[in-house]
Amino acid sequence: MAESDPALVLTKVLATLGPASRDPETICRLIESGVRVVRLNFSHGTFDDFKVTLDAAREGAKRSGLPVGVLGDLSGPKIRATAEIVDGRIDLETGDRVVIVGDDSVARRLDDGTVTLGTTYPEMVTEVQPGHRVLINDGVIRMLATDTLPAEGDKPARLVCSVTHGGALTPKKGINLPDSEIAAPSLTQWDRQCAAWAVEHGVDFLALSFVRKAADIEALLDLLKELGRNNRGLRSRTKLPVIAKIEKPQAIRELDAILDVVDGVMVARGDLGVEMDVAEVPVLQKQIVQKSHEAGKPVIVATQMLESMIDEPAPTRAEVSDVANAILDGADATMLSGETAVGKYPVVCVETMSRTARTAERYLAEHGLCPTQRPAPRGTTKRRTAALARGVTAIVKELQPRYVVLWSQLGGGARFLSHARLRRPILAFSSDESAVRQMTLLYGVHPILSDIPSSAEAFVAQVDAMMLEKNWAEAGDALVIVKGEPLGAPGVTNKIRIHYVGDVCALPGT
């Protein structure tokens, strides 16, 4: 098998870019090791920082010769503790009384032992009710709300809490409120600025954090419509896909409605494991993947997949099992966060994840297994492309071709074939650069940018020549080619053709 063979990458690897990986050379090495989508985390940095990273990502992709998508991750309504702390740190102990003030007060310990601190979301002091949990720094510090004190005189409203599990309080730590209904808008002003920047600079996907309901996604879609990237025929023929990060209990309850309006989901296990019992997360992961399959939407599994490799050159066995199980569950992609953003071994980390993915995929293929039942996506039972994808599935099962090849101008046909989990690489050609980059997230799809051939026969000849030139196949290998006419026109896919490389016909019994 040739080193550059697309069959080497079926489950996609996402890598977060950061100080350890924001130069073109490192990014090129990450791509060559298996990364197909890179992530810009809008929670950290300035627009100047983001531009440097984006330019490095585009240059790294250019050097690798492979298409790479860029996912911009919007921060969402993340609540944080006060930015300033007297002496930089307060050690909270079980039983301590903590008063959260609805402003940016400097955190301090008073003479009577009470700790006061401010918050970036003043409304929480009235929206959190006695008996609700208040968690700081991913649950390292755990408190229980005991009372609310209304504003009086020059004193703002306050929330009184009792520490049930202590720890070190340092500046700007996140606050989770798993029991409270928070009215904070899904899109902050910073998110709106980041979305506008993403559209202006051609980012390929947007992920929204702390989604609670479908209306949160619809608010982002409305913004993208205003910016010209949510309707075909405006700035681009391809819209900007939106990924919902599932990390709140409310999102679990509203998952079906969320799936109806998004282009994909991310199982964001970090905050999900803080807001809910950590023992539930593995089961929730499987349920989210299953429901995403039913809706025909790609699903990313993220957070702490190879966490120990931030500092160590080898993962734990538990981490490798975690990656493999995500693929056995049916994840379209697995994501690395701090491992590649700030870790010491970003390239080794990607190599480890890719190798683990190939081993899990080989097991599934050798045993004829699909990770889950994969019916036609909801609402597509009478659509032509969906029906063709089901036909291709039957042919692939019988023929076991080297590749499935199609012309997919805007990526719709590629999405249906990806959903079918063919266990064969899908070569998806398009002349639309944006569509090519957006197909990088789809399981099994290797997108290829190409000029539109003059005819369907010219397309087959082009594919045939590419197979031999790149050593991706040998004369006589079977291909299943899916196309429509005219090539390049969206929505005309209507033909399936069995082709043998080099026009060699397979003899009966061979």
Protein backbone atom coordinates (compact mmCIF):
# COMPACT_ATOMS: atom_id res chain seq x y z
CA MET A 1 0.00 0.00 0.00
CA ALA A 2 1.42 3.38 -0.99
CA GLU A 3 2.33 5.68 1.88
CA SER A 4 -0.02 8.40 0.63
CA ASP A 5 -2.91 6.00 0.08
CA PRO A 6 -6.21 7.54 1.31
CA ALA A 7 -7.09 4.17 2.83
CA LEU A 8 -4.71 5.06 5.65
CA VAL A 9 -7.24 7.58 7.03
CA LEU A 10 -10.90 6.62 7.57
CA THR A 11 -11.71 7.94 11.04
CA LYS A 12 -10.66 11.58 10.98
CA VAL A 13 -8.27 13.14 13.48
CA LEU A 14 -8.78 16.73 14.67
CA ALA A 15 -5.88 18.55 16.30
CA THR A 16 -6.11 21.77 18.32
CA LEU A 17 -3.44 24.27 17.35
CA GLY A 18 -1.57 26.25 19.99
CA PRO A 19 1.91 27.28 21.09
CA ALA A 20 3.24 23.75 20.50
CA SER A 21 1.88 23.46 16.97
CA ARG A 22 1.20 26.78 15.29
CA ASP A 23 4.13 26.81 12.86
CA PRO A 24 3.70 25.52 9.27
CA GLU A 25 6.38 22.83 9.57
CA THR A 26 4.79 21.22 12.63
CA ILE A 27 1.32 21.49 11.12
CA CYS A 28 2.55 19.79 7.93
CA ARG A 29 3.94 16.94 10.05
CA LEU A 30 0.63 16.66 11.91
CA ILE A 31 -1.21 16.39 8.59
CA GLU A 32 1.21 13.78 7.27
CA SER A 33 0.62 11.82 10.49
CA GLY A 34 -3.15 11.77 9.99
CA VAL A 35 -4.72 15.12 10.95
CA ARG A 36 -7.46 16.22 8.55
CA VAL A 37 -9.08 19.07 10.52
CA VAL A 38 -7.34 21.61 12.76
CA ARG A 39 -9.08 23.55 15.53
CA LEU A 40 -8.78 27.22 16.42
CA ASN A 41 -9.89 27.75 20.01
CA PHE A 42 -11.43 31.23 20.19
CA SER A 43 -11.35 31.07 24.00
CA HIS A 44 -7.65 31.92 24.02
CA GLY A 45 -5.92 34.67 22.08
CA THR A 46 -6.62 37.71 19.93
CA PHE A 47 -7.63 38.06 16.31
CA ASP A 48 -4.00 38.73 15.44
CA ASP A 49 -3.11 35.42 17.10
CA PHE A 50 -5.88 33.61 15.22
CA LYS A 51 -4.70 35.05 11.89
CA VAL A 52 -1.14 33.85 12.48
CA THR A 53 -2.41 30.37 13.34
CA LEU A 54 -4.81 30.22 10.40
CA ASP A 55 -2.11 31.30 7.95
CA ALA A 56 0.21 28.65 9.38
CA ALA A 57 -2.51 26.01 8.98
CA ARG A 58 -3.10 26.95 5.34
CA GLU A 59 0.64 26.92 4.64
CA GLY A 60 1.05 23.57 6.42
CA ALA A 61 -1.76 22.10 4.32
CA LYS A 62 -0.18 23.48 1.15
CA ARG A 63 3.16 21.87 1.99
CA SER A 64 1.48 18.52 2.69
CA GLY A 65 -0.47 18.59 -0.57
CA LEU A 66 -3.62 17.48 1.28
CA PRO A 67 -6.88 19.35 1.92
CA VAL A 68 -7.34 20.29 5.58
CA GLY A 69 -10.40 21.83 7.21
CA VAL A 70 -10.24 24.52 9.89
CA LEU A 71 -12.75 24.43 12.75
CA GLY A 72 -13.31 27.62 14.74
CA ASP A 73 -14.49 26.85 18.26
CA LEU A 74 -16.71 29.61 19.72
CA SER A 75 -16.45 30.06 23.47
CA GLY A 76 -20.16 30.27 24.28
CA PRO A 77 -21.45 31.58 27.62
CA LYS A 78 -18.59 30.28 29.77
CA ILE A 79 -18.92 31.55 33.34
CA ARG A 80 -15.69 32.28 35.19
CA ALA A 81 -14.68 33.36 38.66
CA THR A 82 -13.09 36.73 39.29
CA ALA A 83 -9.92 37.66 37.43
CA GLU A 84 -8.08 38.97 40.49
CA ILE A 85 -7.30 37.26 43.78
CA VAL A 86 -5.42 38.78 46.70
CA ASP A 87 -1.99 37.10 46.79
CA GLY A 88 -2.97 35.18 43.63
CA ARG A 89 -4.48 32.18 45.40
CA ILE A 90 -6.93 31.15 48.10
CA ASP A 91 -6.95 27.64 49.54
CA LEU A 92 -10.57 26.69 50.17
CA GLU A 93 -11.35 24.02 52.73
CA THR A 94 -14.45 21.93 53.31
CA GLY A 95 -16.96 23.93 55.35
CA ASP A 96 -15.68 27.36 54.24
CA ARG A 97 -18.31 30.02 53.61
CA VAL A 98 -18.02 31.61 50.18
CA VAL A 99 -20.00 34.66 49.06
CA ILE A 100 -20.17 35.21 45.30
CA VAL A 101 -20.77 38.84 44.42
CA GLY A 102 -22.48 39.92 41.22
CA ASP A 103 -19.60 42.05 39.97
CA ASP A 104 -15.85 41.82 39.28
CA SER A 105 -14.83 42.04 42.94
CA VAL A 106 -11.31 41.01 43.85
CA ALA A 107 -11.41 37.64 45.62
CA ARG A 108 -10.16 37.72 49.22
CA ARG A 109 -10.55 36.00 52.58
CA LEU A 110 -12.11 38.29 55.21
CA ASP A 111 -11.17 38.44 58.86
CA ASP A 112 -14.08 36.15 59.84
CA GLY A 113 -12.86 33.49 57.38
CA THR A 114 -15.50 34.18 54.72
CA VAL A 115 -14.21 34.19 51.14
CA THR A 116 -15.71 36.67 48.68
CA LEU A 117 -15.25 36.52 44.93
CA GLY A 118 -16.76 38.04 41.82
CA THR A 119 -17.90 36.47 38.57
CA THR A 120 -18.02 37.26 34.86
CA TYR A 121 -21.76 36.48 34.91
CA PRO A 122 -23.40 38.64 37.63
CA GLU A 123 -26.86 37.16 36.98
CA MET A 124 -25.79 33.82 38.45
CA VAL A 125 -26.21 35.17 41.99
CA THR A 126 -29.97 35.33 41.43
CA GLU A 127 -30.40 32.42 38.99
CA VAL A 128 -28.70 29.87 41.25
CA GLN A 129 -31.06 28.70 44.00
CA PRO A 130 -30.29 27.24 47.44
CA GLY A 131 -29.51 23.56 47.08
CA HIS A 132 -27.89 23.95 43.66
CA ARG A 133 -24.31 22.85 43.10
CA VAL A 134 -21.62 25.40 42.23
CA LEU A 135 -18.47 23.83 40.77
CA ILE A 136 -15.18 25.66 40.12
CA ASN A 137 -12.16 24.58 38.04
CA ASP A 138 -13.82 21.55 36.40
CA GLY A 139 -15.26 20.41 39.73
CA VAL A 140 -11.98 20.45 41.67
CA ILE A 141 -13.74 22.85 44.06
CA ARG A 142 -17.33 21.83 44.86
CA MET A 143 -19.83 24.01 46.72
CA LEU A 144 -23.50 24.01 47.59
CA ALA A 145 -25.57 27.19 47.42
CA THR A 146 -27.17 27.86 50.80
CA ASP A 147 -28.73 31.32 50.51
CA THR A 148 -29.26 34.33 48.24
CA LEU A 149 -28.89 37.87 49.56
CA PRO A 150 -30.66 40.67 47.66
CA ALA A 151 -28.99 43.95 46.75
CA GLU A 152 -29.16 46.52 49.53
CA GLY A 153 -27.73 50.02 49.53
CA ASP A 154 -24.41 49.97 47.74
CA LYS A 155 -24.11 46.21 48.12
CA PRO A 156 -24.92 44.11 44.99
CA ALA A 157 -26.88 40.85 45.17
CA ARG A 158 -24.89 37.92 46.56
CA LEU A 159 -24.96 34.13 46.53
CA VAL A 160 -23.87 32.30 49.69
CA CYS A 161 -22.24 28.88 49.29
CA SER A 162 -20.70 26.24 51.53
CA VAL A 163 -17.61 24.38 50.32
CA THR A 164 -18.20 20.61 50.21
CA HIS A 165 -14.84 19.77 48.62
CA GLY A 166 -11.98 22.23 48.86
CA GLY A 167 -9.07 23.12 46.63
CA ALA A 168 -6.88 25.96 45.40
CA LEU A 169 -8.81 28.91 43.92
CA THR A 170 -6.76 30.75 41.29
CA PRO A 171 -7.84 33.51 38.87
CA LYS A 172 -10.29 33.09 35.97
CA LYS A 173 -11.30 29.51 36.73
CA GLY A 174 -14.48 28.25 35.09
CA ILE A 175 -17.73 27.88 37.04
CA ASN A 176 -20.22 25.10 36.26
CA LEU A 177 -23.82 25.23 37.45
CA PRO A 178 -25.27 21.79 36.63
CA ASP A 179 -28.54 22.26 38.56
CA SER A 180 -29.38 25.80 37.48
CA GLU A 181 -31.32 27.17 34.51
CA ILE A 182 -29.09 29.94 33.22
CA ALA A 183 -30.56 32.68 31.03
CA ALA A 184 -27.23 33.73 29.50
CA PRO A 185 -27.53 34.00 25.71
CA SER A 186 -25.93 31.20 23.72
CA LEU A 187 -23.90 33.71 21.69
CA THR A 188 -21.82 36.24 23.55
CA GLN A 189 -20.64 39.45 21.94
CA TRP A 190 -17.20 37.88 21.65
CA ASP A 191 -18.72 34.89 19.85
CA ARG A 192 -20.40 37.22 17.35
CA GLN A 193 -17.11 38.95 16.64
CA CYS A 194 -15.37 35.58 16.24
CA ALA A 195 -18.08 34.29 13.88
CA ALA A 196 -17.72 37.39 11.71
CA TRP A 197 -13.94 36.94 11.68
CA ALA A 198 -14.36 33.25 10.76
CA VAL A 199 -16.58 34.10 7.80
CA GLU A 200 -14.24 36.85 6.62
CA HIS A 201 -11.20 34.55 6.76
CA GLY A 202 -12.76 31.42 5.28
CA VAL A 203 -12.88 29.14 8.31
CA ASP A 204 -14.54 25.86 7.30
CA PHE A 205 -16.59 24.88 10.38
CA LEU A 206 -17.90 26.63 13.50
CA ALA A 207 -18.46 24.84 16.79
CA LEU A 208 -20.67 26.40 19.48
CA SER A 209 -19.93 25.67 23.14
CA PHE A 210 -22.45 25.06 25.93
CA VAL A 211 -25.41 24.44 23.63
CA ARG A 212 -28.57 23.88 25.64
CA LYS A 213 -31.34 23.79 23.04
CA ALA A 214 -31.99 23.99 19.30
CA ALA A 215 -32.68 27.73 19.59
CA ASP A 216 -29.03 28.27 20.56
CA ILE A 217 -27.94 26.83 17.21
CA GLU A 218 -30.64 28.72 15.35
CA ALA A 219 -29.30 31.99 16.79
CA LEU A 220 -25.90 31.20 15.28
CA LEU A 221 -27.49 30.20 11.96
CA ASP A 222 -29.35 33.52 11.88
CA LEU A 223 -26.07 35.35 12.45
CA LEU A 224 -24.37 33.39 9.67
CA LYS A 225 -27.26 34.24 7.36
CA GLU A 226 -26.65 37.92 8.08
CA LEU A 227 -22.96 37.38 7.36
CA GLY A 228 -23.71 35.67 4.06
CA ARG A 229 -22.70 32.08 4.91
CA ASN A 230 -25.96 30.32 5.64
CA ASN A 231 -27.75 30.49 2.29
CA ARG A 232 -26.55 29.17 -1.02
CA GLY A 233 -26.28 31.82 -3.68
CA LEU A 234 -24.89 34.46 -1.34
CA ARG A 235 -21.19 34.73 -0.60
CA SER A 236 -20.55 31.04 -1.22
CA ARG A 237 -22.47 28.14 -2.68
CA THR A 238 -21.50 26.16 0.39
CA LYS A 239 -22.80 27.18 3.78
CA LEU A 240 -20.65 27.23 6.90
CA PRO A 241 -21.37 24.00 8.82
CA VAL A 242 -22.19 24.35 12.51
CA ILE A 243 -21.12 21.78 15.12
CA ALA A 244 -22.98 21.62 18.44
CA LYS A 245 -20.80 20.82 21.44
CA ILE A 246 -22.79 18.56 23.76
CA GLU A 247 -21.58 19.32 27.28
CA LYS A 248 -24.70 20.36 29.23
CA PRO A 249 -27.45 18.20 30.78
CA GLN A 250 -30.03 20.36 29.00
CA ALA A 251 -28.47 19.43 25.64
CA ILE A 252 -28.86 15.74 26.40
CA ARG A 253 -32.57 16.25 27.00
CA GLU A 254 -32.94 18.30 23.79
CA LEU A 255 -30.57 16.22 21.63
CA ASP A 256 -33.09 15.18 18.95
CA ALA A 257 -34.17 18.78 18.35
CA ILE A 258 -30.54 19.94 18.28
CA LEU A 259 -29.62 17.27 15.74
CA ASP A 260 -32.40 18.48 13.47
CA VAL A 261 -30.74 21.89 13.02
CA VAL A 262 -26.97 21.26 13.19
CA ASP A 263 -24.49 19.85 10.69
CA GLY A 264 -22.67 17.73 13.28
CA VAL A 265 -22.06 17.30 17.01
CA MET A 266 -19.11 17.02 19.35
CA VAL A 267 -19.19 14.88 22.48
CA ALA A 268 -17.37 17.40 24.68
CA ARG A 269 -16.65 15.08 27.57
CA GLY A 270 -14.80 17.62 29.72
CA ASP A 271 -17.66 19.81 30.89
CA LEU A 272 -20.12 16.97 30.35
CA GLY A 273 -18.24 14.97 32.97
CA VAL A 274 -18.33 17.94 35.34
CA GLU A 275 -22.00 18.80 34.90
CA MET A 276 -23.14 15.16 35.10
CA ASP A 277 -22.02 12.09 37.01
CA VAL A 278 -18.72 11.09 35.39
CA ALA A 279 -19.88 7.45 35.44
CA GLU A 280 -22.62 8.37 32.97
CA VAL A 281 -20.28 9.83 30.35
CA PRO A 282 -19.32 6.56 28.57
CA VAL A 283 -22.98 5.63 28.16
CA LEU A 284 -23.91 9.15 27.07
CA GLN A 285 -21.11 9.02 24.49
CA LYS A 286 -22.63 5.89 22.96
CA GLN A 287 -26.12 7.39 23.00
CA ILE A 288 -25.00 10.63 21.35
CA VAL A 289 -23.11 8.72 18.65
CA GLN A 290 -26.13 6.49 18.00
CA LYS A 291 -28.54 9.41 17.73
CA SER A 292 -26.14 11.28 15.47
CA HIS A 293 -26.05 8.27 13.15
CA GLU A 294 -29.83 8.15 13.06
CA ALA A 295 -29.89 11.80 12.08
CA GLY A 296 -27.13 11.34 9.50
CA LYS A 297 -24.84 13.85 11.18
CA PRO A 298 -21.08 13.36 11.75
CA VAL A 299 -19.99 13.10 15.38
CA ILE A 300 -16.67 14.03 17.00
CA VAL A 301 -15.51 12.52 20.31
CA ALA A 302 -13.31 14.93 22.25
CA THR A 303 -11.50 15.75 25.49
CA GLN A 304 -8.68 14.02 27.35
CA MET A 305 -8.33 11.23 24.78
CA LEU A 306 -4.52 11.05 25.16
CA GLU A 307 -4.17 13.51 28.04
CA SER A 308 -1.04 11.98 29.54
CA MET A 309 0.84 12.66 26.29
CA ILE A 310 0.86 16.37 27.09
CA ASP A 311 3.92 15.51 29.18
CA GLU A 312 4.79 11.92 28.27
CA PRO A 313 5.89 10.38 24.93
CA ALA A 314 3.60 7.35 25.35
CA PRO A 315 -0.09 7.10 26.32
CA THR A 316 -1.61 4.97 29.05
CA ARG A 317 -3.31 1.75 28.00
CA ALA A 318 -6.60 3.16 29.24
CA GLU A 319 -6.26 6.15 26.89
CA VAL A 320 -5.57 3.92 23.88
CA SER A 321 -8.62 1.85 24.79
CA ASP A 322 -10.65 5.05 25.03
CA VAL A 323 -9.68 6.09 21.50
CA ALA A 324 -10.37 2.61 20.12
CA ASN A 325 -13.75 2.40 21.82
CA ALA A 326 -14.79 5.77 20.39
CA ILE A 327 -14.10 4.35 16.93
CA LEU A 328 -15.85 1.08 17.72
CA ASP A 329 -18.82 3.19 18.87
CA GLY A 330 -18.83 4.81 15.41
CA ALA A 331 -17.22 8.22 15.85
CA ASP A 332 -16.53 10.01 12.57
CA ALA A 333 -13.62 11.83 14.18
CA THR A 334 -11.60 11.95 17.38
CA MET A 335 -10.12 15.19 18.68
CA LEU A 336 -6.94 16.19 20.48
CA SER A 337 -6.92 19.34 22.61
CA GLY A 338 -4.05 20.18 24.95
CA GLU A 339 -2.12 17.19 23.59
CA THR A 340 -1.33 19.07 20.37
CA ALA A 341 -1.92 22.67 21.50
CA VAL A 342 0.54 22.79 24.41
CA GLY A 343 1.91 19.25 24.70
CA LYS A 344 5.53 18.21 24.32
CA TYR A 345 4.87 15.53 21.70
CA PRO A 346 2.14 16.75 19.28
CA VAL A 347 3.28 14.71 16.26
CA VAL A 348 3.84 11.51 18.26
CA CYS A 349 0.40 11.99 19.76
CA VAL A 350 -1.27 12.16 16.32
CA GLU A 351 0.71 9.13 15.15
CA THR A 352 -0.54 7.21 18.19
CA MET A 353 -4.16 8.18 17.58
CA SER A 354 -3.96 7.34 13.86
CA ARG A 355 -2.35 3.97 14.52
CA THR A 356 -4.99 3.12 17.13
CA ALA A 357 -7.74 4.15 14.71
CA ARG A 358 -6.41 1.96 11.90
CA THR A 359 -6.21 -1.03 14.24
CA ALA A 360 -9.81 -0.56 15.38
CA GLU A 361 -11.00 -0.03 11.80
CA ARG A 362 -9.20 -3.18 10.64
CA TYR A 363 -10.96 -5.16 13.38
CA LEU A 364 -14.34 -3.84 12.25
CA ALA A 365 -13.61 -4.58 8.59
CA GLU A 366 -12.25 -8.09 9.19
CA HIS A 367 -15.32 -9.04 11.21
CA GLY A 368 -17.81 -7.37 8.88
CA LEU A 369 -19.04 -5.17 11.69
CA CYS A 370 -20.73 -1.79 11.67
CA PRO A 371 -20.37 0.14 14.94
CA THR A 372 -24.11 0.73 15.13
CA GLN A 373 -27.18 0.12 13.01
CA ARG A 374 -27.14 2.78 10.28
CA PRO A 375 -30.57 3.32 8.77
CA ALA A 376 -31.16 6.05 6.23
CA PRO A 377 -30.88 9.44 7.94
CA ARG A 378 -34.17 10.85 9.14
CA GLY A 379 -36.21 12.45 6.37
CA THR A 380 -34.15 11.01 3.48
CA THR A 381 -35.97 7.78 2.63
CA LYS A 382 -37.25 9.10 -0.71
CA ARG A 383 -34.25 11.18 -1.72
CA ARG A 384 -32.34 10.03 -4.80
CA THR A 385 -28.83 10.40 -3.40
CA ALA A 386 -29.77 8.53 -0.21
CA ALA A 387 -31.22 5.69 -2.29
CA LEU A 388 -28.06 5.59 -4.41
CA ALA A 389 -25.94 5.40 -1.26
CA ARG A 390 -27.91 2.36 -0.11
CA GLY A 391 -27.38 0.78 -3.53
CA VAL A 392 -23.65 1.48 -3.33
CA THR A 393 -23.59 -0.17 0.10
CA ALA A 394 -24.97 -3.42 -1.35
CA ILE A 395 -22.52 -3.35 -4.27
CA VAL A 396 -19.53 -2.67 -2.01
CA LYS A 397 -20.50 -5.53 0.28
CA GLU A 398 -20.66 -7.92 -2.69
CA LEU A 399 -17.74 -6.64 -4.78
CA GLN A 400 -15.28 -5.34 -2.15
CA PRO A 401 -13.86 -2.66 -4.51
CA ARG A 402 -10.58 -0.86 -3.91
CA TYR A 403 -12.33 2.52 -3.70
CA VAL A 404 -15.66 4.22 -4.06
CA VAL A 405 -15.28 7.28 -6.29
CA LEU A 406 -17.76 10.10 -6.84
CA TRP A 407 -18.10 13.64 -8.05
CA SER A 408 -19.64 15.57 -5.15
CA GLN A 409 -19.74 19.25 -6.03
CA LEU A 410 -21.02 20.56 -2.68
CA GLY A 411 -20.41 17.43 -0.59
CA GLY A 412 -23.98 16.13 -0.32
CA GLY A 413 -23.29 12.79 -2.00
CA ALA A 414 -20.13 12.35 0.06
CA ARG A 415 -22.14 12.85 3.26
CA PHE A 416 -24.59 10.09 2.32
CA LEU A 417 -21.81 7.66 1.40
CA SER A 418 -19.89 8.51 4.57
CA HIS A 419 -23.00 7.78 6.62
CA ALA A 420 -23.22 4.32 5.02
CA ARG A 421 -19.89 3.28 6.64
CA LEU A 422 -18.71 1.40 3.56
CA ARG A 423 -15.38 0.36 5.14
CA ARG A 424 -13.78 1.49 1.91
CA PRO A 425 -12.13 4.87 1.26
CA ILE A 426 -14.34 7.29 -0.66
CA LEU A 427 -12.60 9.56 -3.15
CA ALA A 428 -14.83 12.64 -3.45
CA PHE A 429 -13.97 15.05 -6.28
CA SER A 430 -15.16 18.66 -6.44
CA SER A 431 -14.12 21.94 -8.05
CA ASP A 432 -15.34 23.91 -4.99
CA GLU A 433 -12.42 24.58 -2.61
CA SER A 434 -14.71 25.27 0.35
CA ALA A 435 -16.66 22.06 -0.21
CA VAL A 436 -13.43 20.08 -0.45
CA ARG A 437 -12.21 21.38 2.91
CA GLN A 438 -15.60 20.76 4.51
CA MET A 439 -15.56 17.12 3.38
CA THR A 440 -12.40 16.54 5.44
CA LEU A 441 -14.53 15.89 8.52
CA LEU A 442 -16.52 13.03 6.94
CA TYR A 443 -15.62 9.47 7.88
CA GLY A 444 -13.87 7.61 5.08
CA VAL A 445 -13.97 10.55 2.64
CA HIS A 446 -10.77 11.70 0.94
CA PRO A 447 -11.72 14.92 -0.90
CA ILE A 448 -9.85 15.90 -4.04
CA LEU A 449 -9.92 19.36 -5.66
CA SER A 450 -10.21 19.07 -9.43
CA ASP A 451 -11.26 21.02 -12.47
CA ILE A 452 -14.58 19.83 -13.86
CA PRO A 453 -13.94 17.19 -16.54
CA SER A 454 -15.45 17.71 -19.98
CA SER A 455 -17.62 14.60 -19.69
CA ALA A 456 -18.43 11.61 -17.50
CA GLU A 457 -16.11 9.45 -19.60
CA ALA A 458 -13.33 11.99 -19.16
CA PHE A 459 -13.89 11.77 -15.39
CA VAL A 460 -13.54 7.97 -15.44
CA ALA A 461 -10.36 8.28 -17.51
CA GLN A 462 -8.99 10.86 -15.06
CA VAL A 463 -9.68 8.57 -12.10
CA ASP A 464 -8.14 5.61 -13.91
CA ALA A 465 -4.93 7.53 -14.62
CA MET A 466 -4.73 8.81 -11.03
CA MET A 467 -5.01 5.30 -9.59
CA LEU A 468 -2.01 4.09 -11.58
CA GLU A 469 0.08 7.26 -11.28
CA LYS A 470 -0.21 7.41 -7.47
CA ASN A 471 0.02 3.62 -7.00
CA TRP A 472 -3.32 3.66 -5.22
CA ALA A 473 -4.51 0.65 -7.22
CA GLU A 474 -3.32 -1.90 -9.73
CA ALA A 475 -4.69 -2.79 -13.15
CA GLY A 476 -7.80 -4.88 -12.69
CA ASP A 477 -8.75 -3.51 -9.25
CA ALA A 478 -12.45 -2.75 -9.00
CA LEU A 479 -13.83 0.74 -8.39
CA VAL A 480 -17.40 1.78 -7.80
CA ILE A 481 -17.94 5.17 -9.45
CA VAL A 482 -20.93 7.35 -8.54
CA LYS A 483 -21.69 10.33 -10.75
CA GLY A 484 -24.30 12.42 -12.48
CA GLU A 485 -24.44 14.60 -15.54
CA PRO A 486 -23.52 17.31 -16.08
CA LEU A 487 -20.54 17.00 -13.75
CA GLY A 488 -20.20 19.96 -11.42
CA ALA A 489 -23.93 20.63 -11.12
CA PRO A 490 -25.18 20.07 -7.55
CA GLY A 491 -27.91 17.53 -6.94
CA VAL A 492 -27.71 15.53 -10.21
CA THR A 493 -25.99 12.35 -8.92
CA ASN A 494 -27.94 9.47 -10.45
CA LYS A 495 -25.57 6.77 -11.78
CA ILE A 496 -23.49 3.91 -10.35
CA ARG A 497 -20.77 2.35 -12.49
CA ILE A 498 -18.47 -0.59 -11.77
CA HIS A 499 -15.09 0.05 -13.34
CA TYR A 500 -11.87 -1.95 -13.40
CA VAL A 501 -8.62 0.04 -13.34
CA GLY A 502 -6.97 -0.01 -16.75
CA ASP A 503 -10.26 -1.18 -18.27
CA VAL A 504 -9.33 -4.73 -17.31
CA CYS A 505 -12.45 -6.87 -17.06
CA ALA A 506 -12.65 -9.25 -14.14
CA LEU A 507 -13.19 -12.83 -15.28
CA PRO A 508 -15.86 -15.03 -13.64
CA GLY A 509 -14.56 -16.65 -10.51
CA THR A 510 -11.73 -14.12 -10.03
